[in-house]
Protein backbone atom coordinates (compact mmCIF):
# COMPACT_ATOMS: atom_id res chain seq x y z
CA UNK A 1 -11.65 -95.38 19.96
CA UNK A 2 -8.30 -94.97 21.66
CA UNK A 3 -4.65 -95.80 21.20
CA UNK A 4 -2.95 -98.03 23.77
CA UNK A 5 0.82 -97.65 23.97
CA UNK A 6 2.85 -100.54 25.39
CA UNK A 7 6.47 -99.69 26.14
CA UNK A 8 9.48 -101.92 25.63
CA UNK A 9 10.52 -101.17 29.21
CA UNK A 10 8.19 -103.01 31.54
CA UNK A 11 8.77 -100.41 34.26
CA UNK A 12 6.78 -97.89 32.19
CA UNK A 13 3.02 -98.46 32.53
CA UNK A 14 0.80 -98.67 29.45
CA UNK A 15 -0.53 -95.37 28.17
CA UNK A 16 -3.91 -94.71 26.57
CA UNK A 17 -4.38 -91.77 24.24
CA UNK A 18 -7.74 -90.84 22.65
CA UNK A 19 -7.76 -90.83 18.88
CA UNK A 20 -8.41 -87.51 17.12
CA UNK A 21 -11.65 -86.95 15.26
CA UNK A 22 -11.90 -88.66 11.85
CA UNK A 23 -10.19 -86.64 9.14
CA UNK A 24 -7.94 -84.82 11.61
CA UNK A 25 -4.23 -85.19 10.71
CA UNK A 26 -2.19 -86.93 13.40
CA UNK A 27 1.44 -87.45 12.38
CA UNK A 28 3.61 -89.90 14.29
CA UNK A 29 5.73 -87.02 15.61
CA UNK A 30 2.63 -85.53 17.25
CA UNK A 31 1.91 -88.83 18.98
CA UNK A 32 5.51 -88.97 20.21
CA UNK A 33 5.12 -85.52 21.74
CA UNK A 34 1.98 -86.69 23.57
CA UNK A 35 3.85 -89.71 24.88
CA UNK A 36 6.74 -87.58 26.13
CA UNK A 37 4.29 -85.19 27.79
CA UNK A 38 2.45 -88.05 29.53
CA UNK A 39 5.60 -89.95 30.59
CA UNK A 40 8.26 -87.21 30.84
CA UNK A 41 10.46 -88.94 33.41
CA UNK A 42 10.96 -91.97 31.14
CA UNK A 43 10.68 -90.63 27.59
CA UNK A 44 11.38 -86.87 27.55
CA UNK A 45 14.76 -87.15 25.81
CA UNK A 46 14.70 -90.78 24.72
CA UNK A 47 14.61 -92.08 21.17
CA UNK A 48 11.13 -93.46 20.55
CA UNK A 49 10.11 -95.87 17.83
CA UNK A 50 6.44 -96.65 17.34
CA UNK A 51 5.79 -100.13 15.96
CA UNK A 52 2.58 -101.63 14.65
CA UNK A 53 2.23 -105.18 13.27
CA UNK A 54 6.03 -105.54 13.29
CA UNK A 55 6.58 -102.39 11.19
CA UNK A 56 8.29 -99.24 12.41
CA UNK A 57 6.12 -96.19 11.72
CA UNK A 58 8.16 -93.39 10.08
CA UNK A 59 8.02 -89.97 11.72
CA UNK A 60 6.58 -88.55 8.50
CA UNK A 61 3.68 -91.04 8.48
CA UNK A 62 0.16 -90.23 9.59
CA UNK A 63 -1.67 -92.47 12.03
CA UNK A 64 -4.60 -92.66 9.63
CA UNK A 65 -2.57 -95.19 7.60
CA UNK A 66 -2.68 -97.48 10.64
CA UNK A 67 -6.08 -96.59 12.06
CA UNK A 68 -8.21 -96.61 8.91
CA UNK A 69 -7.79 -100.33 7.95
CA UNK A 70 -8.39 -101.43 11.55
CA UNK A 71 -11.48 -99.25 11.90
CA UNK A 72 -12.89 -100.51 8.59
CA UNK A 73 -12.26 -104.11 9.60
CA UNK A 74 -13.88 -103.50 12.99
CA UNK A 75 -16.88 -101.82 11.35
CA UNK A 76 -17.33 -104.74 8.95
CA UNK A 77 -17.15 -107.24 11.83
CA UNK A 78 -19.68 -105.18 13.81
CA UNK A 79 -22.08 -105.07 10.87
CA UNK A 80 -21.93 -108.87 10.57
CA UNK A 81 -22.41 -109.44 14.31
CA UNK A 82 -25.79 -110.82 15.46
CA UNK A 83 -27.95 -108.45 17.46
CA UNK A 84 -26.98 -108.58 21.11
CA UNK A 85 -23.27 -109.15 20.54
CA UNK A 86 -20.75 -106.73 21.98
CA UNK A 87 -19.98 -105.21 18.61
CA UNK A 88 -20.28 -101.66 19.92
CA UNK A 89 -17.56 -101.99 22.56
CA UNK A 90 -14.89 -99.26 22.39
CA UNK A 91 -12.16 -100.06 19.90
CA UNK A 92 -8.57 -100.03 21.20
CA UNK A 93 -5.62 -99.97 18.80
CA UNK A 94 -2.32 -101.16 20.31
CA UNK A 95 1.06 -99.73 19.38
CA UNK A 96 4.44 -100.85 20.68
CA UNK A 97 6.85 -98.11 21.75
CA UNK A 98 10.56 -98.92 21.82
CA UNK A 99 12.44 -96.63 24.23
CA UNK A 100 16.05 -96.14 23.13
CA UNK A 101 19.08 -94.03 23.92
CA UNK A 102 19.27 -90.35 24.86
CA UNK A 103 18.73 -87.80 22.09
CA UNK A 104 20.71 -84.64 21.56
CA UNK A 105 19.04 -81.26 21.09
CA UNK A 106 19.75 -81.49 17.36
CA UNK A 107 18.12 -84.92 17.09
CA UNK A 108 15.05 -83.76 18.99
CA UNK A 109 14.76 -80.76 16.68
CA UNK A 110 15.14 -83.00 13.64
CA UNK A 111 12.35 -85.25 14.92
CA UNK A 112 10.05 -82.25 15.30
CA UNK A 113 10.89 -81.05 11.81
CA UNK A 114 10.04 -84.50 10.44
CA UNK A 115 6.37 -83.84 11.13
CA UNK A 116 6.43 -80.56 9.20
CA UNK A 117 5.54 -80.34 5.50
CA UNK A 118 8.53 -81.48 3.45
CA UNK A 119 10.68 -78.89 1.71
CA UNK A 120 11.68 -79.73 -1.86
CA UNK A 121 15.32 -80.74 -1.99
CA UNK A 122 17.79 -81.23 -4.80
CA UNK A 123 19.81 -83.70 -2.70
CA UNK A 124 19.78 -87.33 -3.87
CA UNK A 125 17.30 -89.62 -2.18
CA UNK A 126 18.81 -91.94 0.46
CA UNK A 127 19.28 -95.53 -0.65
CA UNK A 128 19.56 -98.84 1.17
CA UNK A 129 19.73 -98.78 4.92
CA UNK A 130 20.14 -94.99 4.83
CA UNK A 131 16.36 -94.89 4.29
CA UNK A 132 15.92 -96.15 7.86
CA UNK A 133 16.90 -92.75 9.28
CA UNK A 134 13.41 -91.50 8.47
CA UNK A 135 12.02 -94.39 10.55
CA UNK A 136 13.91 -93.24 13.66
CA UNK A 137 17.00 -95.46 13.42
CA UNK A 138 20.22 -93.93 14.74
CA UNK A 139 23.52 -93.85 12.86
CA UNK A 140 24.83 -96.59 15.15
CA UNK A 141 21.81 -98.80 14.42
CA UNK A 142 22.29 -98.39 10.68
CA UNK A 143 26.03 -99.11 10.85
CA UNK A 144 25.46 -102.28 12.90
CA UNK A 145 22.78 -103.49 10.51
CA UNK A 146 24.99 -102.69 7.51
CA UNK A 147 27.94 -104.56 9.05
CA UNK A 148 25.86 -107.69 9.66
CA UNK A 149 24.38 -107.49 6.16
CA UNK A 150 27.86 -107.14 4.63
CA UNK A 151 29.15 -110.22 6.46
CA UNK A 152 26.17 -112.33 5.36
CA UNK A 153 26.21 -111.23 1.72
CA UNK A 154 29.94 -110.90 1.08
CA UNK A 155 30.03 -107.13 0.73
CA UNK A 156 33.63 -105.99 1.25
CA UNK A 157 35.42 -102.68 1.29
CA UNK A 158 36.28 -103.19 -2.38
CA UNK A 159 32.62 -103.36 -3.37
CA UNK A 160 31.35 -100.29 -5.20
CA UNK A 161 29.27 -98.19 -2.79
CA UNK A 162 26.43 -97.75 -5.30
CA UNK A 163 26.32 -101.50 -5.91
CA UNK A 164 26.25 -102.14 -2.15
CA UNK A 165 23.36 -99.70 -1.71
CA UNK A 166 21.46 -101.33 -4.59
CA UNK A 167 21.94 -104.71 -2.90
CA UNK A 168 20.54 -103.25 0.33
CA UNK A 169 17.61 -101.79 -1.63
CA UNK A 170 16.89 -105.20 -3.13
CA UNK A 171 17.08 -106.86 0.28
CA UNK A 172 14.64 -104.34 1.80
CA UNK A 173 12.18 -104.50 -1.12
CA UNK A 174 12.28 -108.26 -1.63
CA UNK A 175 12.06 -108.83 2.11
CA UNK A 176 8.73 -106.99 2.05
CA UNK A 177 7.33 -108.53 -1.15
CA UNK A 178 8.69 -112.10 -1.05
CA UNK A 179 8.49 -113.34 2.55
CA UNK A 180 8.96 -117.00 1.52
CA UNK A 181 12.44 -116.48 0.10
CA UNK A 182 15.67 -114.85 1.21
CA UNK A 183 17.43 -112.18 -0.88
CA UNK A 184 19.89 -114.80 -2.19
CA UNK A 185 16.95 -116.91 -3.46
CA UNK A 186 17.11 -119.53 -0.69
CA UNK A 187 13.84 -120.58 0.94
CA UNK A 188 13.15 -119.14 4.36
CA UNK A 189 14.39 -121.53 7.06
CA UNK A 190 16.97 -123.33 4.92
CA UNK A 191 19.88 -122.34 7.15
CA UNK A 192 18.00 -123.26 10.31
CA UNK A 193 17.18 -126.68 8.84
CA UNK A 194 20.80 -127.32 7.88
CA UNK A 195 22.06 -126.25 11.30
CA UNK A 196 19.50 -128.37 13.17
CA UNK A 197 20.19 -131.48 11.08
CA UNK A 198 23.96 -131.14 11.32
CA UNK A 199 23.86 -130.68 15.10
CA UNK A 200 21.58 -133.72 15.55
CA UNK A 201 23.77 -135.88 13.32
CA UNK A 202 27.02 -134.76 14.92
CA UNK A 203 26.05 -135.16 18.57
CA UNK A 204 23.99 -138.35 18.23
CA UNK A 205 26.29 -140.03 15.72
CA UNK A 206 25.00 -143.33 14.36
CA UNK A 207 22.02 -143.13 16.71
CA UNK A 208 20.71 -140.32 14.50
CA UNK A 209 20.06 -142.90 11.75
CA UNK A 210 16.94 -143.80 13.71
CA UNK A 211 15.43 -140.42 12.85
CA UNK A 212 16.01 -140.99 9.13
CA UNK A 213 13.38 -143.73 9.29
CA UNK A 214 10.84 -141.29 10.72
CA UNK A 215 10.08 -139.09 7.73
CA UNK A 216 7.40 -137.19 9.59
CA UNK A 217 9.88 -135.81 12.12
CA UNK A 218 12.44 -134.18 9.84
CA UNK A 219 12.17 -132.77 6.35
CA UNK A 220 14.33 -134.06 3.49
CA UNK A 221 16.64 -131.08 3.85
CA UNK A 222 17.05 -131.78 7.56
CA UNK A 223 17.66 -135.48 6.88
CA UNK A 224 20.45 -134.61 4.44
CA UNK A 225 21.99 -132.35 7.08
CA UNK A 226 21.74 -135.20 9.64
CA UNK A 227 23.73 -137.45 7.31
CA UNK A 228 26.34 -134.71 6.96
CA UNK A 229 26.52 -134.42 10.76
CA UNK A 230 27.00 -138.19 11.10
CA UNK A 231 29.83 -138.11 8.55
CA UNK A 232 31.52 -135.31 10.48
CA UNK A 233 31.10 -137.26 13.73
CA UNK A 234 32.65 -140.43 12.23
CA UNK A 235 35.48 -138.42 10.69
CA UNK A 236 36.37 -136.92 14.06
CA UNK A 237 36.27 -140.40 15.62
CA UNK A 238 38.67 -141.78 13.00
CA UNK A 239 41.04 -138.87 13.42
CA UNK A 240 40.99 -139.34 17.19
CA UNK A 241 41.84 -143.08 16.90
CA UNK A 242 44.69 -142.77 14.42
CA UNK A 243 46.12 -139.43 15.46
């Protein structure tokens, strides 16, 4: 078995790293050090984020959490394979490596310390997007994400900071456990449907009525948005004629 690292920068060739023996600890920070050693000119002082199945692996995580389910699934598939199949081919596990901005000496040291055994602390646990620091996000990344979240969910400067963090916590947790709904309770895709229908109705005008007869093309929500777009189109036409 081996790990295959694919970098976000296409100029950096893929990297293959052999997996440690079963039962041997392999924290994410250790893998990052191997990557920097193998590709020093491109990654030595860069912020690295390792991603698997769309999830950023925290520096404190161990690769066994990623490797074990894949190995078990591969072993089960091999056991069910008919004799003669290529079930014994070497297993390759792919990880995506995002190469970011330059790190300071302090940030590099903090990344190294993240792989060490944790020291009990009396400080309060981070909440909301502050939890993303342990996943390798920079302060700038967190602030940008927080600003976008605040605009979408109406969080203003007058909002209590604890309440804002609890709202972020809910968004993070519900985003992981309820993928079919948004944090505000709206179904996933509702805003895209409304935007698509409104644009079609506005730019096609009365011609868009043709699509309302084809129920298989647009959903009911999209059809309602098309009607709204037609109304907006007609309203602009009336205003242009009389004003």
